[in-house]
């Protein structure tokens, strides 16, 4: 079926049929939506880059471009018989959506701090806090509406002027939200059973909040005690330090550092191999030449930098441009050079 504006003259505003503005907004969004798919993926890349650069642990980063059907349903919402969105194309702000899943609640706050520092945060809502302030248990998630600063981060100038809605939640909060959405979306609950369903969802939300707190306590206890891990079976043909061995070594060396992503231990082990470091003894001897406190002062970490980030900076301080030029660092040369400038800068006198 052809669009109405291609087959009939424009309808004067006073003769507009009910729902016409929504239909027009949906038609325009349907034309726009395919062009948002690439920026959505680019925002995923930007968010991933920012979190990796900050050294923050997270489970996953993914994105989605709002579907036309979802946009249409949202555009048609009414509040007190009035449209919720006067201008849907402008007011519906989650057309580009990114989701960050962390392991524990403290990481949610750290991720939000990164975005506040590196992006322009237009809006920031902690829906879990809002729910708690109402004396309830339920949906918990940090929702931020962001756009790139001017100038945009290097390599992401194509995102200038584009906003993205970012959800940040723990893996347990995510599990609750996905299950609750799936049940309510697909299930038909008899009216007489709705109160019991709501009570059970509230009970599950409370239990998951308690589990989140316990996971945080477990991680804090392990970090405080210098956690060790059992030796994994190594491949004799692989000269790299295993990721698990490196994780245990760094936990003992950087006792105040947060955990890093599991795959990052293996990644930086590959960089060590490029440098000719193939054993923990060699690495320990190498790091004796580093003044860790001087690195901390120069880098001025604003976030709880993970152990891999701390090692990354130590290797950068030791090897300088040689480290920047490693094959495994080809994707982040500008970021490393900016960090190297900080490391080479003299300490500022205390005021």
Protein backbone atom coordinates (compact mmCIF):
# COMPACT_ATOMS: atom_id res chain seq x y z
CA UNK A 1 0.00 0.00 0.00
CA UNK A 2 1.38 3.38 -0.98
CA UNK A 3 1.93 6.01 1.70
CA UNK A 4 -1.03 8.41 1.97
CA UNK A 5 1.05 11.47 1.20
CA UNK A 6 1.96 9.99 -2.21
CA UNK A 7 -1.66 9.35 -3.24
CA UNK A 8 -3.70 12.21 -1.84
CA UNK A 9 -3.27 15.95 -1.23
CA UNK A 10 -2.09 17.16 2.14
CA UNK A 11 -4.81 17.17 4.79
CA UNK A 12 -5.29 20.54 6.51
CA UNK A 13 -4.49 20.40 10.21
CA UNK A 14 -8.10 21.17 11.17
CA UNK A 15 -9.26 18.12 9.20
CA UNK A 16 -6.59 15.76 10.46
CA UNK A 17 -8.03 12.44 11.58
CA UNK A 18 -7.27 11.12 15.06
CA UNK A 19 -3.94 9.35 15.10
CA UNK A 20 -2.67 11.02 11.94
CA UNK A 21 0.37 12.64 13.66
CA UNK A 22 1.38 9.25 15.07
CA UNK A 23 1.00 7.54 11.70
CA UNK A 24 3.11 10.25 10.07
CA UNK A 25 5.81 9.89 12.75
CA UNK A 26 5.84 6.11 12.28
CA UNK A 27 6.06 6.50 8.50
CA UNK A 28 9.02 8.86 8.86
CA UNK A 29 10.72 6.59 11.40
CA UNK A 30 10.29 3.60 9.11
CA UNK A 31 12.21 5.51 6.44
CA UNK A 32 14.88 6.59 8.94
CA UNK A 33 15.35 3.33 10.84
CA UNK A 34 17.67 1.48 8.42
CA UNK A 35 20.13 4.39 8.55
CA UNK A 36 20.34 4.06 12.36
CA UNK A 37 21.66 0.50 12.32
CA UNK A 38 25.26 1.44 11.57
CA UNK A 39 25.35 4.22 14.22
CA UNK A 40 23.93 1.72 16.72
CA UNK A 41 26.84 -0.63 16.09
CA UNK A 42 29.25 2.29 16.26
CA UNK A 43 27.87 3.26 19.67
CA UNK A 44 28.45 -0.32 20.84
CA UNK A 45 32.05 0.00 19.66
CA UNK A 46 32.42 3.38 21.40
CA UNK A 47 31.01 2.14 24.71
CA UNK A 48 33.17 -0.98 24.59
CA UNK A 49 36.24 1.12 23.85
CA UNK A 50 35.51 3.51 26.74
CA UNK A 51 35.01 0.69 29.25
CA UNK A 52 38.09 -1.20 28.08
CA UNK A 53 40.20 1.95 28.24
CA UNK A 54 38.95 2.62 31.77
CA UNK A 55 39.81 -0.94 32.76
CA UNK A 56 36.34 -1.68 34.13
CA UNK A 57 35.05 -5.22 34.38
CA UNK A 58 31.80 -5.99 32.56
CA UNK A 59 30.02 -9.02 31.17
CA UNK A 60 28.75 -7.75 27.83
CA UNK A 61 27.91 -4.75 25.68
CA UNK A 62 25.28 -5.05 22.98
CA UNK A 63 22.98 -2.78 21.05
CA UNK A 64 19.79 -2.62 19.08
CA UNK A 65 18.09 -0.18 16.77
CA UNK A 66 14.48 0.32 17.85
CA UNK A 67 12.14 -1.59 15.59
CA UNK A 68 9.40 0.20 13.70
CA UNK A 69 6.75 -1.83 15.53
CA UNK A 70 8.21 -0.89 18.92
CA UNK A 71 8.41 2.77 17.90
CA UNK A 72 4.80 2.71 16.73
CA UNK A 73 3.58 1.18 19.99
CA UNK A 74 5.46 3.76 22.04
CA UNK A 75 4.35 6.67 19.86
CA UNK A 76 0.70 5.67 20.35
CA UNK A 77 0.83 5.72 24.18
CA UNK A 78 -1.66 7.95 25.93
CA UNK A 79 -1.53 9.57 29.37
CA UNK A 80 -4.87 10.87 30.61
CA UNK A 81 -6.21 10.47 27.07
CA UNK A 82 -3.45 12.72 25.70
CA UNK A 83 -0.46 11.57 23.61
CA UNK A 84 2.53 10.84 25.84
CA UNK A 85 4.89 12.03 23.10
CA UNK A 86 3.97 15.31 21.40
CA UNK A 87 6.76 14.84 18.84
CA UNK A 88 7.58 11.10 18.75
CA UNK A 89 10.58 11.44 16.43
CA UNK A 90 12.26 13.77 18.92
CA UNK A 91 10.77 12.65 22.23
CA UNK A 92 11.32 8.89 21.84
CA UNK A 93 14.99 8.85 22.75
CA UNK A 94 15.84 5.13 22.68
CA UNK A 95 15.96 4.78 18.90
CA UNK A 96 19.64 3.84 19.32
CA UNK A 97 19.92 1.56 22.33
CA UNK A 98 22.99 0.10 24.05
CA UNK A 99 22.97 -2.27 27.03
CA UNK A 100 25.88 -2.87 29.39
CA UNK A 101 25.68 -5.89 31.71
CA UNK A 102 27.99 -5.90 34.73
CA UNK A 103 28.64 -8.53 37.39
CA UNK A 104 27.97 -6.55 40.58
CA UNK A 105 26.17 -3.34 41.49
CA UNK A 106 29.29 -1.31 42.26
CA UNK A 107 30.35 -1.76 38.63
CA UNK A 108 27.09 -0.14 37.49
CA UNK A 109 28.11 3.08 39.25
CA UNK A 110 31.63 2.87 37.82
CA UNK A 111 30.29 2.46 34.27
CA UNK A 112 28.01 5.47 34.75
CA UNK A 113 31.01 7.51 35.95
CA UNK A 114 32.90 6.65 32.76
CA UNK A 115 30.02 7.89 30.62
CA UNK A 116 29.71 11.06 32.70
CA UNK A 117 33.41 11.73 32.17
CA UNK A 118 33.74 10.76 28.51
CA UNK A 119 30.33 11.60 27.02
CA UNK A 120 27.70 14.30 27.36
CA UNK A 121 25.05 12.83 29.65
CA UNK A 122 21.69 14.42 28.88
CA UNK A 123 19.68 12.39 31.39
CA UNK A 124 20.57 9.83 34.08
CA UNK A 125 17.91 7.81 35.90
CA UNK A 126 18.55 5.11 38.47
CA UNK A 127 15.26 3.23 38.23
CA UNK A 128 16.28 0.81 40.96
CA UNK A 129 16.82 3.71 43.34
CA UNK A 130 13.50 5.25 42.34
CA UNK A 131 11.75 1.95 43.02
CA UNK A 132 13.46 1.60 46.41
CA UNK A 133 12.50 5.15 47.39
CA UNK A 134 8.89 4.16 46.79
CA UNK A 135 9.33 1.30 49.23
CA UNK A 136 9.03 -1.36 46.55
CA UNK A 137 11.09 -4.07 44.89
CA UNK A 138 11.00 -4.40 41.15
CA UNK A 139 12.73 -3.28 37.99
CA UNK A 140 16.30 -2.09 38.58
CA UNK A 141 18.43 -0.50 35.88
CA UNK A 142 20.47 2.65 35.30
CA UNK A 143 19.25 4.50 32.21
CA UNK A 144 21.40 7.20 30.63
CA UNK A 145 20.69 9.31 27.57
CA UNK A 146 24.00 10.37 26.03
CA UNK A 147 25.59 11.99 23.05
CA UNK A 148 29.22 12.50 22.15
CA UNK A 149 31.04 15.57 23.38
CA UNK A 150 32.31 18.18 20.92
CA UNK A 151 34.72 17.09 19.61
CA UNK A 152 33.67 13.44 19.60
CA UNK A 153 36.13 10.81 20.83
CA UNK A 154 38.81 10.12 18.26
CA UNK A 155 37.58 7.75 15.58
CA UNK A 156 33.89 8.36 16.34
CA UNK A 157 33.19 11.72 14.69
CA UNK A 158 30.39 10.02 12.71
CA UNK A 159 28.35 9.87 15.93
CA UNK A 160 28.29 13.65 16.42
CA UNK A 161 24.74 14.84 17.01
CA UNK A 162 23.33 11.33 17.53
CA UNK A 163 21.89 10.37 20.90
CA UNK A 164 21.88 6.90 22.42
CA UNK A 165 19.96 5.42 25.32
CA UNK A 166 22.24 3.24 27.46
CA UNK A 167 20.96 0.74 30.02
CA UNK A 168 23.42 -0.42 32.68
CA UNK A 169 22.43 -3.27 34.99
CA UNK A 170 23.88 -6.29 36.75
CA UNK A 171 23.46 -9.76 35.33
CA UNK A 172 20.90 -10.59 38.04
CA UNK A 173 18.93 -7.39 37.38
CA UNK A 174 19.01 -8.27 33.69
CA UNK A 175 17.72 -11.79 34.33
CA UNK A 176 14.77 -10.43 36.35
CA UNK A 177 13.91 -7.77 33.76
CA UNK A 178 14.07 -10.17 30.81
CA UNK A 179 11.97 -12.85 32.55
CA UNK A 180 9.40 -10.34 33.79
CA UNK A 181 9.10 -8.78 30.33
CA UNK A 182 8.83 -12.17 28.65
CA UNK A 183 6.09 -13.39 31.01
CA UNK A 184 4.03 -10.22 30.88
CA UNK A 185 4.44 -9.91 27.12
CA UNK A 186 3.59 -13.50 26.23
CA UNK A 187 1.42 -14.58 29.13
CA UNK A 188 -2.27 -13.97 29.63
CA UNK A 189 -2.82 -13.69 33.37
CA UNK A 190 -6.39 -13.89 34.68
CA UNK A 191 -7.27 -10.73 36.57
CA UNK A 192 -7.82 -12.60 39.82
CA UNK A 193 -4.23 -13.96 39.68
CA UNK A 194 -2.53 -10.63 38.86
CA UNK A 195 -1.94 -9.55 42.50
CA UNK A 196 -0.26 -12.86 43.32
CA UNK A 197 1.91 -12.58 40.19
CA UNK A 198 2.96 -9.07 41.20
CA UNK A 199 3.80 -10.28 44.71
CA UNK A 200 5.93 -13.11 43.37
CA UNK A 201 7.83 -10.80 41.03
CA UNK A 202 8.45 -8.41 43.94
CA UNK A 203 9.68 -11.31 46.09
CA UNK A 204 12.04 -12.44 43.30
CA UNK A 205 13.35 -8.88 42.90
CA UNK A 206 14.09 -8.71 46.64
CA UNK A 207 15.91 -12.03 46.59
CA UNK A 208 17.99 -10.97 43.59
CA UNK A 209 18.91 -7.70 45.30
CA UNK A 210 20.15 -9.75 48.26
CA UNK A 211 22.09 -12.03 45.89
CA UNK A 212 23.66 -8.96 44.25
CA UNK A 213 24.83 -7.79 47.67
CA UNK A 214 26.28 -11.21 48.46
CA UNK A 215 28.14 -11.37 45.15
CA UNK A 216 29.62 -7.95 45.91
CA UNK A 217 30.69 -9.16 49.35
CA UNK A 218 32.25 -12.30 47.89
CA UNK A 219 34.27 -10.32 45.38
CA UNK A 220 35.40 -7.83 48.02
CA UNK A 221 36.49 -10.66 50.33
CA UNK A 222 38.45 -12.40 47.58
CA UNK A 223 40.17 -9.19 46.50
CA UNK A 224 41.03 -8.30 50.10
CA UNK A 225 42.49 -11.72 50.72
CA UNK A 226 44.50 -11.91 47.48
CA UNK A 227 42.53 -14.63 45.76
CA UNK A 228 44.35 -17.56 44.23
CA UNK A 229 43.07 -19.90 41.55
CA UNK A 230 43.80 -23.55 40.89
CA UNK A 231 46.28 -24.21 38.12
CA UNK A 232 44.68 -24.92 34.78
CA UNK A 233 45.93 -27.49 32.33
CA UNK A 234 48.26 -25.64 29.99
CA UNK A 235 49.02 -26.35 26.38
CA UNK A 236 52.74 -27.17 26.17
CA UNK A 237 52.83 -25.77 22.65
CA UNK A 238 51.54 -22.36 23.80
CA UNK A 239 54.42 -20.21 25.11
CA UNK A 240 52.14 -17.61 26.64
CA UNK A 241 51.45 -17.22 30.34
CA UNK A 242 47.97 -18.67 30.80
CA UNK A 243 45.17 -16.21 31.48
CA UNK A 244 44.28 -17.93 34.75
CA UNK A 245 47.87 -17.86 36.03
CA UNK A 246 48.17 -14.21 35.06
CA UNK A 247 44.89 -13.38 36.83
CA UNK A 248 46.13 -14.96 40.06
CA UNK A 249 49.50 -13.20 39.78
CA UNK A 250 47.93 -9.77 39.19
CA UNK A 251 45.43 -10.26 42.02
CA UNK A 252 48.38 -10.67 44.35
CA UNK A 253 50.35 -7.78 42.90
CA UNK A 254 47.54 -5.22 42.55
CA UNK A 255 45.51 -6.03 45.64
CA UNK A 256 43.59 -2.75 45.41
CA UNK A 257 42.61 -3.22 41.77
CA UNK A 258 39.34 -4.51 40.46
CA UNK A 259 38.99 -7.66 38.43
CA UNK A 260 39.29 -7.38 34.67
CA UNK A 261 37.34 -9.10 31.93
CA UNK A 262 38.33 -12.74 31.59
CA UNK A 263 39.32 -12.40 27.94
CA UNK A 264 41.55 -9.41 28.72
CA UNK A 265 43.96 -11.57 30.72
CA UNK A 266 44.54 -13.74 27.67
CA UNK A 267 44.80 -10.66 25.43
CA UNK A 268 47.52 -8.98 27.50
CA UNK A 269 49.31 -12.33 27.81
CA UNK A 270 49.68 -12.14 24.03
CA UNK A 271 51.23 -8.69 24.37
CA UNK A 272 53.68 -10.08 26.93
CA UNK A 273 54.62 -12.77 24.43
CA UNK A 274 55.35 -10.07 21.83
CA UNK A 275 57.68 -8.52 24.40
CA UNK A 276 59.39 -11.86 24.98
CA UNK A 277 57.92 -12.37 28.47
CA UNK A 278 56.78 -15.98 28.81
CA UNK A 279 56.86 -16.69 32.56
CA UNK A 280 55.58 -15.12 35.75
CA UNK A 281 59.14 -14.95 37.10
CA UNK A 282 60.18 -12.85 34.10
CA UNK A 283 57.16 -10.62 34.55
CA UNK A 284 57.80 -10.16 38.27
CA UNK A 285 61.42 -9.19 37.60
CA UNK A 286 60.33 -6.76 34.88
CA UNK A 287 57.83 -5.01 37.15
CA UNK A 288 60.43 -4.34 39.84
CA UNK A 289 61.64 -1.47 37.66
CA UNK A 290 58.26 0.29 37.89
CA UNK A 291 57.17 2.85 40.46
CA UNK A 292 53.51 1.90 40.75
CA UNK A 293 52.63 4.90 42.90
CA UNK A 294 54.14 7.28 40.34
CA UNK A 295 52.01 5.65 37.62
CA UNK A 296 48.89 6.04 39.76
CA UNK A 297 49.67 9.72 40.35
CA UNK A 298 50.27 10.44 36.67
CA UNK A 299 47.29 8.48 35.38
CA UNK A 300 44.93 9.89 38.01
CA UNK A 301 42.52 6.96 37.76
CA UNK A 302 38.96 8.17 38.24
CA UNK A 303 37.56 4.66 38.18
CA UNK A 304 38.45 1.40 39.94
CA UNK A 305 40.96 0.37 37.25
CA UNK A 306 41.17 -3.37 36.77
CA UNK A 307 44.34 -5.40 37.19
CA UNK A 308 44.91 -5.72 33.43
CA UNK A 309 44.70 -1.93 33.03
CA UNK A 310 47.27 -1.53 35.82
CA UNK A 311 49.62 -3.98 34.10
CA UNK A 312 48.92 -2.30 30.75
CA UNK A 313 50.09 1.05 32.13
CA UNK A 314 53.13 -0.53 33.78
CA UNK A 315 54.23 -2.08 30.48
CA UNK A 316 53.61 1.23 28.71
CA UNK A 317 55.80 3.00 31.29
CA UNK A 318 58.59 0.46 30.84
CA UNK A 319 58.63 0.07 27.06
CA UNK A 320 57.14 3.35 25.81
CA UNK A 321 56.84 3.52 22.02
CA UNK A 322 57.98 -0.07 21.68
CA UNK A 323 54.85 -1.11 23.53
CA UNK A 324 52.63 1.20 21.48
CA UNK A 325 53.97 -0.37 18.27
CA UNK A 326 53.10 -3.96 19.22
CA UNK A 327 50.82 -5.74 16.76
CA UNK A 328 48.28 -6.43 19.47
CA UNK A 329 47.98 -2.71 20.14
CA UNK A 330 47.33 -1.63 16.55
CA UNK A 331 43.65 -0.87 17.29
CA UNK A 332 44.40 1.62 20.08
CA UNK A 333 47.54 3.53 19.15
CA UNK A 334 46.04 7.04 19.71
CA UNK A 335 44.75 6.04 23.16
CA UNK A 336 48.12 4.60 24.17
CA UNK A 337 50.00 7.66 22.95
CA UNK A 338 47.71 9.90 25.01
CA UNK A 339 48.39 7.74 28.06
CA UNK A 340 52.13 7.74 27.36
CA UNK A 341 52.12 11.54 27.44
CA UNK A 342 50.66 11.38 30.94
CA UNK A 343 53.25 8.86 32.05
CA UNK A 344 56.11 10.98 30.73
CA UNK A 345 54.82 14.18 32.32
CA UNK A 346 56.59 15.25 35.51
CA UNK A 347 54.77 14.91 38.80
CA UNK A 348 52.90 18.07 39.78
CA UNK A 349 53.99 19.56 43.11
CA UNK A 350 51.48 19.36 45.93
CA UNK A 351 49.63 22.59 46.60
